[in-house]
C-alpha atoms as a PDB file:
ATOM      1  CA  MET A   1     112.775 -81.856  22.745  1.00  0.00           C
ATOM      2  CA  ASP A   2     112.868 -81.961  26.548  1.00  0.00           C
ATOM      3  CA  ASN A   3     109.067 -82.162  26.651  1.00  0.00           C
ATOM      4  CA  ILE A   4     109.055 -85.285  24.386  1.00  0.00           C
ATOM      5  CA  LEU A   5     111.660 -86.917  26.655  1.00  0.00           C
ATOM      6  CA  ASN A   6     109.615 -86.212  29.737  1.00  0.00           C
ATOM      7  CA  ILE A   7     106.402 -87.541  28.207  1.00  0.00           C
ATOM      8  CA  ASN A   8     108.015 -90.724  27.084  1.00  0.00           C
ATOM      9  CA  ASN A   9     109.799 -91.327  30.392  1.00  0.00           C
ATOM     10  CA  PRO A  10     108.188 -94.192  32.348  1.00  0.00           C
ATOM     11  CA  GLY A  11     108.863 -92.513  35.684  1.00  0.00           C
ATOM     12  CA  TYR A  12     107.199 -89.334  34.563  1.00  0.00           C
ATOM     13  CA  LEU A  13     104.218 -91.237  33.246  1.00  0.00           C
ATOM     14  CA  ALA A  14     103.880 -93.210  36.448  1.00  0.00           C
ATOM     15  CA  ARG A  15     104.010 -90.029  38.616  1.00  0.00           C
ATOM     16  CA  THR A  16     101.432 -88.355  36.326  1.00  0.00           C
ATOM     17  CA  ILE A  17      99.054 -91.307  36.647  1.00  0.00           C
ATOM     18  CA  ALA A  18      99.503 -91.428  40.434  1.00  0.00           C
ATOM     19  CA  GLU A  19      98.826 -87.674  40.718  1.00  0.00           C
ATOM     20  CA  LYS A  20      95.689 -87.886  38.554  1.00  0.00           C
ATOM     21  CA  PHE A  21      94.386 -90.899  40.547  1.00  0.00           C
ATOM     22  CA  LYS A  22      95.033 -89.138  43.808  1.00  0.00           C
ATOM     23  CA  GLN A  23      93.192 -85.998  42.600  1.00  0.00           C
ATOM     24  CA  ARG A  24      90.266 -88.146  41.429  1.00  0.00           C
ATOM     25  CA  ARG A  25      90.141 -89.815  44.833  1.00  0.00           C
ATOM     26  CA  LEU A  26      90.059 -86.420  46.556  1.00  0.00           C
ATOM     27  CA  ASP A  27      87.388 -85.174  44.089  1.00  0.00           C
ATOM     28  CA  PHE A  28      85.243 -88.135  45.181  1.00  0.00           C
ATOM     29  CA  ASN A  29      85.958 -87.308  48.804  1.00  0.00           C
ATOM     30  CA  ILE A  30      87.364 -90.788  49.512  1.00  0.00           C
ATOM     31  CA  THR A  31      90.148 -91.272  52.101  1.00  0.00           C
ATOM     32  CA  GLN A  32      93.094 -93.551  51.440  1.00  0.00           C
ATOM     33  CA  GLU A  33      91.643 -95.929  54.009  1.00  0.00           C
ATOM     34  CA  GLY A  34      88.240 -95.803  52.315  1.00  0.00           C
ATOM     35  CA  LEU A  35      89.846 -96.516  48.925  1.00  0.00           C
ATOM     36  CA  ALA A  36      91.717 -99.446  50.346  1.00  0.00           C
ATOM     37  CA  GLN A  37      88.509-100.917  51.801  1.00  0.00           C
ATOM     38  CA  LYS A  38      86.515-100.463  48.585  1.00  0.00           C
ATOM     39  CA  THR A  39      89.167-101.920  46.361  1.00  0.00           C
ATOM     40  CA  GLY A  40      90.594-104.664  48.518  1.00  0.00           C
ATOM     41  CA  VAL A  41      94.054-103.090  47.969  1.00  0.00           C
ATOM     42  CA  SER A  42      96.070-102.744  51.089  1.00  0.00           C
ATOM     43  CA  LEU A  43      96.367 -99.224  52.646  1.00  0.00           C
ATOM     44  CA  GLY A  44     100.151 -99.498  52.313  1.00  0.00           C
ATOM     45  CA  SER A  45      99.818-100.042  48.617  1.00  0.00           C
ATOM     46  CA  VAL A  46      97.477 -97.062  48.202  1.00  0.00           C
ATOM     47  CA  LYS A  47      99.875 -94.841  50.103  1.00  0.00           C
ATOM     48  CA  ARG A  48     102.865 -96.098  48.240  1.00  0.00           C
ATOM     49  CA  PHE A  49     101.153 -95.508  44.902  1.00  0.00           C
ATOM     50  CA  GLU A  50     100.245 -91.955  45.753  1.00  0.00           C
ATOM     51  CA  SER A  51     103.704 -91.102  47.144  1.00  0.00           C
ATOM     52  CA  THR A  52     106.098 -93.102  44.844  1.00  0.00           C
ATOM     53  CA  ALA A  53     103.871 -94.132  41.943  1.00  0.00           C
ATOM     54  CA  GLN A  54     104.706 -97.820  42.542  1.00  0.00           C
ATOM     55  CA  ILE A  55     101.838-100.277  42.394  1.00  0.00           C
ATOM     56  CA  SER A  56     101.019-103.629  40.809  1.00  0.00           C
ATOM     57  CA  LEU A  57      98.952-103.683  37.678  1.00  0.00           C
ATOM     58  CA  SER A  58      96.168-105.620  39.403  1.00  0.00           C
ATOM     59  CA  SER A  59      95.941-103.066  42.163  1.00  0.00           C
ATOM     60  CA  LEU A  60      96.054-100.183  39.732  1.00  0.00           C
ATOM     61  CA  LEU A  61      93.149-101.602  37.775  1.00  0.00           C
ATOM     62  CA  LYS A  62      91.063-102.159  40.953  1.00  0.00           C
ATOM     63  CA  ILE A  63      91.593 -98.582  41.967  1.00  0.00           C
ATOM     64  CA  ALA A  64      90.822 -97.379  38.445  1.00  0.00           C
ATOM     65  CA  VAL A  65      87.454 -99.124  38.531  1.00  0.00           C
ATOM     66  CA  ILE A  66      86.399 -97.658  41.825  1.00  0.00           C
ATOM     67  CA  LEU A  67      87.517 -94.142  40.693  1.00  0.00           C
ATOM     68  CA  ASP A  68      85.613 -94.584  37.417  1.00  0.00           C
ATOM     69  CA  LEU A  69      88.864 -94.429  35.429  1.00  0.00           C
ATOM     70  CA  GLY A  70      88.740 -97.957  33.969  1.00  0.00           C
ATOM     71  CA  ASP A  71      87.704 -96.730  30.507  1.00  0.00           C
ATOM     72  CA  TYR A  72      91.093 -95.169  30.034  1.00  0.00           C
ATOM     73  CA  PHE A  73      92.670 -98.566  29.887  1.00  0.00           C
ATOM     74  CA  TYR A  74      90.430 -99.823  27.080  1.00  0.00           C
ATOM     75  CA  GLY A  75      92.324 -97.736  24.548  1.00  0.00           C
ATOM     76  CA  ILE A  76      95.200-100.212  25.015  1.00  0.00           C
ATOM     77  CA  LYS A  77      93.271-102.820  23.091  1.00  0.00           C
ATOM     78  CA  ASP A  78      93.380-100.620  20.001  1.00  0.00           C
ATOM     79  CA  ILE A  79      97.134-100.498  19.762  1.00  0.00           C
ATOM     80  CA  GLY A  80      97.160-102.444  16.537  1.00  0.00           C
ATOM     81  CA  GLU A  81     100.259-103.976  14.968  1.00  0.00           C
ATOM     82  CA  GLN A  82     103.534-104.036  16.956  1.00  0.00           C
ATOM     83  CA  GLN A  83     106.102-101.391  16.113  1.00  0.00           C
ATOM     84  CA  THR A  84     109.709-100.957  17.053  1.00  0.00           C
ATOM     85  CA  ILE A  85     110.662 -97.959  19.172  1.00  0.00           C
ATOM     86  CA  ASP A  86     112.391 -96.417  16.118  1.00  0.00           C
ATOM     87  CA  GLN A  87     109.102 -96.712  14.186  1.00  0.00           C
ATOM     88  CA  VAL A  88     107.080 -95.100  16.952  1.00  0.00           C
ATOM     89  CA  LEU A  89     109.522 -92.213  17.276  1.00  0.00           C
ATOM     90  CA  LYS A  90     109.638 -91.708  13.520  1.00  0.00           C
ATOM     91  CA  SER A  91     105.854 -91.678  13.320  1.00  0.00           C
ATOM     92  CA  LYS A  92     105.627 -89.060  16.096  1.00  0.00           C
ATOM     93  CA  ASN A  93     108.073 -86.783  14.264  1.00  0.00           C
ATOM     94  CA  SER A  94     106.490 -87.118  10.857  1.00  0.00           C
ATOM     95  CA  LYS A  95     103.792 -84.750   9.630  1.00  0.00           C
ATOM     96  CA  PRO A  96     100.334 -86.270   8.812  1.00  0.00           C
ATOM     97  CA  ARG A  97      99.681 -86.825   5.138  1.00  0.00           C
ATOM     98  CA  LYS A  98      97.367 -84.296   3.477  1.00  0.00           C
ATOM     99  CA  ARG A  99      96.791 -86.127   0.211  1.00  0.00           C
ATOM    100  CA  ALA A 100      97.443 -89.478  -1.416  1.00  0.00           C
ATOM    101  CA  ARG A 101     100.155 -90.249  -3.964  1.00  0.00           C
ATOM    102  CA  ARG A 102      99.350 -91.403  -7.474  1.00  0.00           C
ATOM    103  CA  ASN A 103     100.188 -94.972  -8.265  1.00  0.00           C
ATOM    104  CA  ASP A 104     101.055 -95.078 -11.942  1.00  0.00           C
END
């Protein structure tokens, strides 16, 4: 249960994204200064993002494009119909159906 709470925690999610973006930057051998120049995002924003996971959505997307991570955000468009938090939690806890029911 603790793992589910961590995964669904916005702070945990933000830190995880920041860590993955930082690692990707390092894999591409780009400095924070270089990333700031390529994206047009201020150096302070890049540093703050990597240390505290705080960044504007616009800046995050600019960084994602330069680091070739933009495709990860396209999955958002496939969310489908809106659900309440209770519905989402219930669906995560339910087992997938293995067969259909008969409608008599």
